[in-house]
Amino acid sequence: MDYNNLPLDLGLAIATNRAALDRFVDMPDGEKEEFIERNRGVMSQKELDKLVNSLAKEDEEPDLHLENVKDVFK
């Protein structure tokens, strides 16, 4: 798969969600292309987050770098 054609907003959203990133990387190219095509209809950040979170497995906790940074340093 040519990652140069990955929409920037989708790439950034996947990169900030480790579980989604791991799942996306393991997907066959055909599934990746279908997922990218579903992203083309996304209009808001909330919709994008929901789409990317659908890749992540429910039983995995997010990495620390995904937490609210302000809360980490309290």
PDB file of N, CA and C in Angstrom:
ATOM      1  N   MET A   1       0.841  -1.187   0.000  1.00  0.00           N
ATOM      2  CA  MET A   1       0.000   0.000   0.000  1.00  0.00           C
ATOM      3  C   MET A   1       0.881   1.244   0.000  1.00  0.00           C
ATOM      4  N   ASP A   2       0.465   2.226  -0.749  1.00  0.00           N
ATOM      5  CA  ASP A   2       1.193   3.490  -0.823  1.00  0.00           C
ATOM      6  C   ASP A   2       0.634   4.446   0.235  1.00  0.00           C
ATOM      7  N   TYR A   3       1.377   4.627   1.320  1.00  0.00           N
ATOM      8  CA  TYR A   3       0.917   5.485   2.416  1.00  0.00           C
ATOM      9  C   TYR A   3       0.958   6.965   2.055  1.00  0.00           C
ATOM     10  N   ASN A   4       1.529   7.317   0.923  1.00  0.00           N
ATOM     11  CA  ASN A   4       1.524   8.718   0.486  1.00  0.00           C
ATOM     12  C   ASN A   4       0.124   9.177   0.117  1.00  0.00           C
ATOM     13  N   ASN A   5      -0.777   8.234  -0.146  1.00  0.00           N
ATOM     14  CA  ASN A   5      -2.152   8.581  -0.491  1.00  0.00           C
ATOM     15  C   ASN A   5      -3.080   8.577   0.713  1.00  0.00           C
ATOM     16  N   LEU A   6      -2.547   8.334   1.893  1.00  0.00           N
ATOM     17  CA  LEU A   6      -3.331   8.352   3.120  1.00  0.00           C
ATOM     18  C   LEU A   6      -3.672   9.800   3.474  1.00  0.00           C
ATOM     19  N   PRO A   7      -4.960  10.116   3.644  1.00  0.00           N
ATOM     20  CA  PRO A   7      -5.322  11.492   4.011  1.00  0.00           C
ATOM     21  C   PRO A   7      -4.612  11.904   5.307  1.00  0.00           C
ATOM     22  N   LEU A   8      -4.124  13.124   5.342  1.00  0.00           N
ATOM     23  CA  LEU A   8      -3.341  13.618   6.472  1.00  0.00           C
ATOM     24  C   LEU A   8      -4.099  13.521   7.789  1.00  0.00           C
ATOM     25  N   ASP A   9      -5.361  13.939   7.804  1.00  0.00           N
ATOM     26  CA  ASP A   9      -6.126  13.901   9.047  1.00  0.00           C
ATOM     27  C   ASP A   9      -6.306  12.475   9.550  1.00  0.00           C
ATOM     28  N   LEU A  10      -6.529  11.536   8.657  1.00  0.00           N
ATOM     29  CA  LEU A  10      -6.668  10.138   9.046  1.00  0.00           C
ATOM     30  C   LEU A  10      -5.342   9.585   9.556  1.00  0.00           C
ATOM     31  N   GLY A  11      -4.262   9.896   8.885  1.00  0.00           N
ATOM     32  CA  GLY A  11      -2.937   9.437   9.304  1.00  0.00           C
ATOM     33  C   GLY A  11      -2.582   9.936  10.693  1.00  0.00           C
ATOM     34  N   LEU A  12      -2.870  11.201  10.959  1.00  0.00           N
ATOM     35  CA  LEU A  12      -2.584  11.765  12.282  1.00  0.00           C
ATOM     36  C   LEU A  12      -3.459  11.134  13.357  1.00  0.00           C
ATOM     37  N   ALA A  13      -4.721  10.917  13.039  1.00  0.00           N
ATOM     38  CA  ALA A  13      -5.635  10.314  14.014  1.00  0.00           C
ATOM     39  C   ALA A  13      -5.217   8.884  14.342  1.00  0.00           C
ATOM     40  N   ILE A  14      -4.819   8.128  13.342  1.00  0.00           N
ATOM     41  CA  ILE A  14      -4.370   6.749  13.583  1.00  0.00           C
ATOM     42  C   ILE A  14      -3.059   6.751  14.364  1.00  0.00           C
ATOM     43  N   ALA A  15      -2.169   7.665  14.044  1.00  0.00           N
ATOM     44  CA  ALA A  15      -0.864   7.718  14.706  1.00  0.00           C
ATOM     45  C   ALA A  15      -0.974   8.053  16.194  1.00  0.00           C
ATOM     46  N   THR A  16      -2.031   8.728  16.603  1.00  0.00           N
ATOM     47  CA  THR A  16      -2.186   9.095  18.013  1.00  0.00           C
ATOM     48  C   THR A  16      -2.942   8.053  18.817  1.00  0.00           C
ATOM     49  N   ASN A  17      -3.368   6.981  18.175  1.00  0.00           N
ATOM     50  CA  ASN A  17      -4.087   5.903  18.852  1.00  0.00           C
ATOM     51  C   ASN A  17      -3.314   4.618  18.597  1.00  0.00           C
ATOM     52  N   ARG A  18      -2.499   4.214  19.563  1.00  0.00           N
ATOM     53  CA  ARG A  18      -1.580   3.083  19.369  1.00  0.00           C
ATOM     54  C   ARG A  18      -2.306   1.786  19.002  1.00  0.00           C
ATOM     55  N   ALA A  19      -3.425   1.497  19.657  1.00  0.00           N
ATOM     56  CA  ALA A  19      -4.167   0.276  19.354  1.00  0.00           C
ATOM     57  C   ALA A  19      -4.708   0.306  17.928  1.00  0.00           C
ATOM     58  N   ALA A  20      -5.213   1.459  17.503  1.00  0.00           N
ATOM     59  CA  ALA A  20      -5.718   1.594  16.142  1.00  0.00           C
ATOM     60  C   ALA A  20      -4.570   1.482  15.130  1.00  0.00           C
ATOM     61  N   LEU A  21      -3.438   2.075  15.451  1.00  0.00           N
ATOM     62  CA  LEU A  21      -2.267   2.002  14.569  1.00  0.00           C
ATOM     63  C   LEU A  21      -1.819   0.555  14.389  1.00  0.00           C
ATOM     64  N   ASP A  22      -1.721  -0.181  15.496  1.00  0.00           N
ATOM     65  CA  ASP A  22      -1.313  -1.584  15.413  1.00  0.00           C
ATOM     66  C   ASP A  22      -2.285  -2.391  14.562  1.00  0.00           C
ATOM     67  N   ARG A  23      -3.565  -2.156  14.749  1.00  0.00           N
ATOM     68  CA  ARG A  23      -4.583  -2.885  13.982  1.00  0.00           C
ATOM     69  C   ARG A  23      -4.523  -2.499  12.506  1.00  0.00           C
ATOM     70  N   PHE A  24      -4.356  -1.213  12.217  1.00  0.00           N
ATOM     71  CA  PHE A  24      -4.311  -0.743  10.827  1.00  0.00           C
ATOM     72  C   PHE A  24      -3.117  -1.350  10.095  1.00  0.00           C
ATOM     73  N   VAL A  25      -1.974  -1.377  10.744  1.00  0.00           N
ATOM     74  CA  VAL A  25      -0.761  -1.915  10.126  1.00  0.00           C
ATOM     75  C   VAL A  25      -0.937  -3.400   9.805  1.00  0.00           C
ATOM     76  N   ASP A  26      -1.657  -4.128  10.647  1.00  0.00           N
ATOM     77  CA  ASP A  26      -1.847  -5.563  10.452  1.00  0.00           C
ATOM     78  C   ASP A  26      -2.929  -5.909   9.432  1.00  0.00           C
ATOM     79  N   MET A  27      -3.713  -4.920   9.006  1.00  0.00           N
ATOM     80  CA  MET A  27      -4.790  -5.179   8.051  1.00  0.00           C
ATOM     81  C   MET A  27      -4.226  -5.448   6.658  1.00  0.00           C
ATOM     82  N   PRO A  28      -4.885  -6.327   5.890  1.00  0.00           N
ATOM     83  CA  PRO A  28      -4.490  -6.506   4.484  1.00  0.00           C
ATOM     84  C   PRO A  28      -4.734  -5.210   3.712  1.00  0.00           C
ATOM     85  N   ASP A  29      -4.014  -5.023   2.617  1.00  0.00           N
ATOM     86  CA  ASP A  29      -4.121  -3.782   1.844  1.00  0.00           C
ATOM     87  C   ASP A  29      -5.548  -3.472   1.404  1.00  0.00           C
ATOM     88  N   GLY A  30      -6.308  -4.488   1.038  1.00  0.00           N
ATOM     89  CA  GLY A  30      -7.687  -4.259   0.612  1.00  0.00           C
ATOM     90  C   GLY A  30      -8.540  -3.666   1.717  1.00  0.00           C
ATOM     91  N   GLU A  31      -8.372  -4.176   2.937  1.00  0.00           N
ATOM     92  CA  GLU A  31      -9.117  -3.635   4.074  1.00  0.00           C
ATOM     93  C   GLU A  31      -8.679  -2.215   4.400  1.00  0.00           C
ATOM     94  N   LYS A  32      -7.379  -1.950   4.273  1.00  0.00           N
ATOM     95  CA  LYS A  32      -6.878  -0.588   4.508  1.00  0.00           C
ATOM     96  C   LYS A  32      -7.524   0.385   3.533  1.00  0.00           C
ATOM     97  N   GLU A  33      -7.590  -0.008   2.271  1.00  0.00           N
ATOM     98  CA  GLU A  33      -8.174   0.873   1.250  1.00  0.00           C
ATOM     99  C   GLU A  33      -9.655   1.111   1.521  1.00  0.00           C
ATOM    100  N   GLU A  34     -10.381   0.068   1.954  1.00  0.00           N
ATOM    101  CA  GLU A  34     -11.795   0.240   2.301  1.00  0.00           C
ATOM    102  C   GLU A  34     -11.950   1.203   3.475  1.00  0.00           C
ATOM    103  N   PHE A  35     -11.080   1.066   4.478  1.00  0.00           N
ATOM    104  CA  PHE A  35     -11.132   1.938   5.645  1.00  0.00           C
ATOM    105  C   PHE A  35     -10.856   3.389   5.238  1.00  0.00           C
ATOM    106  N   ILE A  36      -9.886   3.586   4.373  1.00  0.00           N
ATOM    107  CA  ILE A  36      -9.552   4.931   3.899  1.00  0.00           C
ATOM    108  C   ILE A  36     -10.727   5.519   3.126  1.00  0.00           C
ATOM    109  N   GLU A  37     -11.384   4.712   2.318  1.00  0.00           N
ATOM    110  CA  GLU A  37     -12.541   5.203   1.556  1.00  0.00           C
ATOM    111  C   GLU A  37     -13.684   5.607   2.483  1.00  0.00           C
ATOM    112  N   ARG A  38     -13.878   4.872   3.592  1.00  0.00           N
ATOM    113  CA  ARG A  38     -14.904   5.266   4.570  1.00  0.00           C
ATOM    114  C   ARG A  38     -14.566   6.623   5.177  1.00  0.00           C
ATOM    115  N   ASN A  39     -13.286   6.928   5.315  1.00  0.00           N
ATOM    116  CA  ASN A  39     -12.845   8.202   5.872  1.00  0.00           C
ATOM    117  C   ASN A  39     -13.199   9.371   4.959  1.00  0.00           C
ATOM    118  N   ARG A  40     -13.285   9.142   3.692  1.00  0.00           N
ATOM    119  CA  ARG A  40     -13.530  10.242   2.742  1.00  0.00           C
ATOM    120  C   ARG A  40     -14.881  10.919   2.964  1.00  0.00           C
ATOM    121  N   GLY A  41     -15.821  10.216   3.597  1.00  0.00           N
ATOM    122  CA  GLY A  41     -17.129  10.800   3.876  1.00  0.00           C
ATOM    123  C   GLY A  41     -17.203  11.480   5.230  1.00  0.00           C
ATOM    124  N   VAL A  42     -16.128  11.438   6.001  1.00  0.00           N
ATOM    125  CA  VAL A  42     -16.108  12.011   7.345  1.00  0.00           C
ATOM    126  C   VAL A  42     -15.992  13.524   7.255  1.00  0.00           C
ATOM    127  N   MET A  43     -16.840  14.213   8.004  1.00  0.00           N
ATOM    128  CA  MET A  43     -16.859  15.672   7.943  1.00  0.00           C
ATOM    129  C   MET A  43     -16.324  16.339   9.211  1.00  0.00           C
ATOM    130  N   SER A  44     -16.418  15.674  10.349  1.00  0.00           N
ATOM    131  CA  SER A  44     -16.028  16.330  11.597  1.00  0.00           C
ATOM    132  C   SER A  44     -14.941  15.535  12.316  1.00  0.00           C
ATOM    133  N   GLN A  45     -14.292  16.195  13.261  1.00  0.00           N
ATOM    134  CA  GLN A  45     -13.266  15.534  14.072  1.00  0.00           C
ATOM    135  C   GLN A  45     -13.896  14.430  14.911  1.00  0.00           C
ATOM    136  N   LYS A  46     -15.100  14.656  15.376  1.00  0.00           N
ATOM    137  CA  LYS A  46     -15.792  13.659  16.191  1.00  0.00           C
ATOM    138  C   LYS A  46     -16.048  12.388  15.376  1.00  0.00           C
ATOM    139  N   GLU A  47     -16.472  12.552  14.134  1.00  0.00           N
ATOM    140  CA  GLU A  47     -16.699  11.397  13.262  1.00  0.00           C
ATOM    141  C   GLU A  47     -15.388  10.667  12.977  1.00  0.00           C
ATOM    142  N   LEU A  48     -14.321  11.427  12.768  1.00  0.00           N
ATOM    143  CA  LEU A  48     -13.013  10.841  12.506  1.00  0.00           C
ATOM    144  C   LEU A  48     -12.531  10.043  13.711  1.00  0.00           C
ATOM    145  N   ASP A  49     -12.680  10.607  14.902  1.00  0.00           N
ATOM    146  CA  ASP A  49     -12.278   9.905  16.124  1.00  0.00           C
ATOM    147  C   ASP A  49     -13.065   8.607  16.292  1.00  0.00           C
ATOM    148  N   LYS A  50     -14.355   8.658  15.999  1.00  0.00           N
ATOM    149  CA  LYS A  50     -15.191   7.465  16.123  1.00  0.00           C
ATOM    150  C   LYS A  50     -14.738   6.393  15.135  1.00  0.00           C
ATOM    151  N   LEU A  51     -14.426   6.794  13.924  1.00  0.00           N
ATOM    152  CA  LEU A  51     -13.960   5.856  12.906  1.00  0.00           C
ATOM    153  C   LEU A  51     -12.637   5.224  13.312  1.00  0.00           C
ATOM    154  N   VAL A  52     -11.694   6.024  13.770  1.00  0.00           N
ATOM    155  CA  VAL A  52     -10.384   5.505  14.170  1.00  0.00           C
ATOM    156  C   VAL A  52     -10.515   4.629  15.412  1.00  0.00           C
ATOM    157  N   ASN A  53     -11.340   5.043  16.355  1.00  0.00           N
ATOM    158  CA  ASN A  53     -11.535   4.238  17.563  1.00  0.00           C
ATOM    159  C   ASN A  53     -12.174   2.898  17.258  1.00  0.00           C
ATOM    160  N   SER A  54     -12.890   2.808  16.143  1.00  0.00           N
ATOM    161  CA  SER A  54     -13.488   1.527  15.763  1.00  0.00           C
ATOM    162  C   SER A  54     -12.415   0.495  15.419  1.00  0.00           C
ATOM    163  N   LEU A  55     -11.222   0.954  15.100  1.00  0.00           N
ATOM    164  CA  LEU A  55     -10.109   0.040  14.831  1.00  0.00           C
ATOM    165  C   LEU A  55      -9.534  -0.545  16.113  1.00  0.00           C
ATOM    166  N   ALA A  56      -9.551   0.246  17.170  1.00  0.00           N
ATOM    167  CA  ALA A  56      -8.934  -0.171  18.431  1.00  0.00           C
ATOM    168  C   ALA A  56      -9.788  -1.246  19.093  1.00  0.00           C
ATOM    169  N   LYS A  57      -9.125  -2.188  19.707  1.00  0.00           N
ATOM    170  CA  LYS A  57      -9.834  -3.233  20.431  1.00  0.00           C
ATOM    171  C   LYS A  57     -10.326  -2.659  21.750  1.00  0.00           C
ATOM    172  N   GLU A  58     -11.507  -3.045  22.134  1.00  0.00           N
ATOM    173  CA  GLU A  58     -12.138  -2.482  23.330  1.00  0.00           C
ATOM    174  C   GLU A  58     -11.396  -2.795  24.613  1.00  0.00           C
ATOM    175  N   ASP A  59     -10.678  -3.920  24.648  1.00  0.00           N
ATOM    176  CA  ASP A  59     -10.049  -4.329  25.901  1.00  0.00           C
ATOM    177  C   ASP A  59      -8.675  -3.701  26.126  1.00  0.00           C
ATOM    178  N   GLU A  60      -8.202  -2.887  25.210  1.00  0.00           N
ATOM    179  CA  GLU A  60      -6.881  -2.282  25.364  1.00  0.00           C
ATOM    180  C   GLU A  60      -6.986  -0.893  25.959  1.00  0.00           C
ATOM    181  N   GLU A  61      -6.119  -0.601  26.903  1.00  0.00           N
ATOM    182  CA  GLU A  61      -6.055   0.724  27.510  1.00  0.00           C
ATOM    183  C   GLU A  61      -5.210   1.632  26.620  1.00  0.00           C
ATOM    184  N   PRO A  62      -5.530   2.909  26.521  1.00  0.00           N
ATOM    185  CA  PRO A  62      -4.708   3.815  25.716  1.00  0.00           C
ATOM    186  C   PRO A  62      -3.329   4.026  26.339  1.00  0.00           C
ATOM    187  N   ASP A  63      -2.369   4.314  25.485  1.00  0.00           N
ATOM    188  CA  ASP A  63      -1.028   4.624  25.974  1.00  0.00           C
ATOM    189  C   ASP A  63      -1.051   5.947  26.719  1.00  0.00           C
ATOM    190  N   LEU A  64      -0.060   6.156  27.592  1.00  0.00           N
ATOM    191  CA  LEU A  64       0.026   7.371  28.390  1.00  0.00           C
ATOM    192  C   LEU A  64       0.059   8.613  27.511  1.00  0.00           C
ATOM    193  N   HIS A  65       0.729   8.553  26.369  1.00  0.00           N
ATOM    194  CA  HIS A  65       0.842   9.747  25.523  1.00  0.00           C
ATOM    195  C   HIS A  65      -0.496  10.188  24.943  1.00  0.00           C
ATOM    196  N   LEU A  66      -1.529   9.385  25.099  1.00  0.00           N
ATOM    197  CA  LEU A  66      -2.844   9.766  24.608  1.00  0.00           C
ATOM    198  C   LEU A  66      -3.684  10.447  25.687  1.00  0.00           C
ATOM    199  N   GLU A  67      -3.212  10.411  26.914  1.00  0.00           N
ATOM    200  CA  GLU A  67      -3.942  11.036  28.008  1.00  0.00           C
ATOM    201  C   GLU A  67      -3.822  12.562  27.906  1.00  0.00           C
ATOM    202  N   ASN A  68      -4.665  13.255  28.646  1.00  0.00           N
ATOM    203  CA  ASN A  68      -4.601  14.706  28.690  1.00  0.00           C
ATOM    204  C   ASN A  68      -3.301  15.102  29.392  1.00  0.00           C
ATOM    205  N   VAL A  69      -2.444  15.779  28.696  1.00  0.00           N
ATOM    206  CA  VAL A  69      -1.112  16.134  29.221  1.00  0.00           C
ATOM    207  C   VAL A  69      -1.228  16.967  30.498  1.00  0.00           C
ATOM    208  N   LYS A  70      -2.192  17.837  30.590  1.00  0.00           N
ATOM    209  CA  LYS A  70      -2.349  18.671  31.778  1.00  0.00           C
ATOM    210  C   LYS A  70      -2.624  17.837  33.020  1.00  0.00           C
ATOM    211  N   ASP A  71      -3.362  16.715  32.852  1.00  0.00           N
ATOM    212  CA  ASP A  71      -3.651  15.849  33.978  1.00  0.00           C
ATOM    213  C   ASP A  71      -2.443  15.034  34.415  1.00  0.00           C
ATOM    214  N   VAL A  72      -1.543  14.730  33.503  1.00  0.00           N
ATOM    215  CA  VAL A  72      -0.379  13.909  33.797  1.00  0.00           C
ATOM    216  C   VAL A  72       0.558  14.640  34.749  1.00  0.00           C
ATOM    217  N   PHE A  73       0.678  15.953  34.625  1.00  0.00           N
ATOM    218  CA  PHE A  73       1.655  16.711  35.408  1.00  0.00           C
ATOM    219  C   PHE A  73       1.056  17.375  36.644  1.00  0.00           C
ATOM    220  N   LYS A  74      -0.125  16.975  37.054  1.00  0.00           N
ATOM    221  CA  LYS A  74      -0.741  17.548  38.266  1.00  0.00           C
ATOM    222  C   LYS A  74      -0.171  16.922  39.492  1.00  0.00           C
TER     223      LYS A  74
END
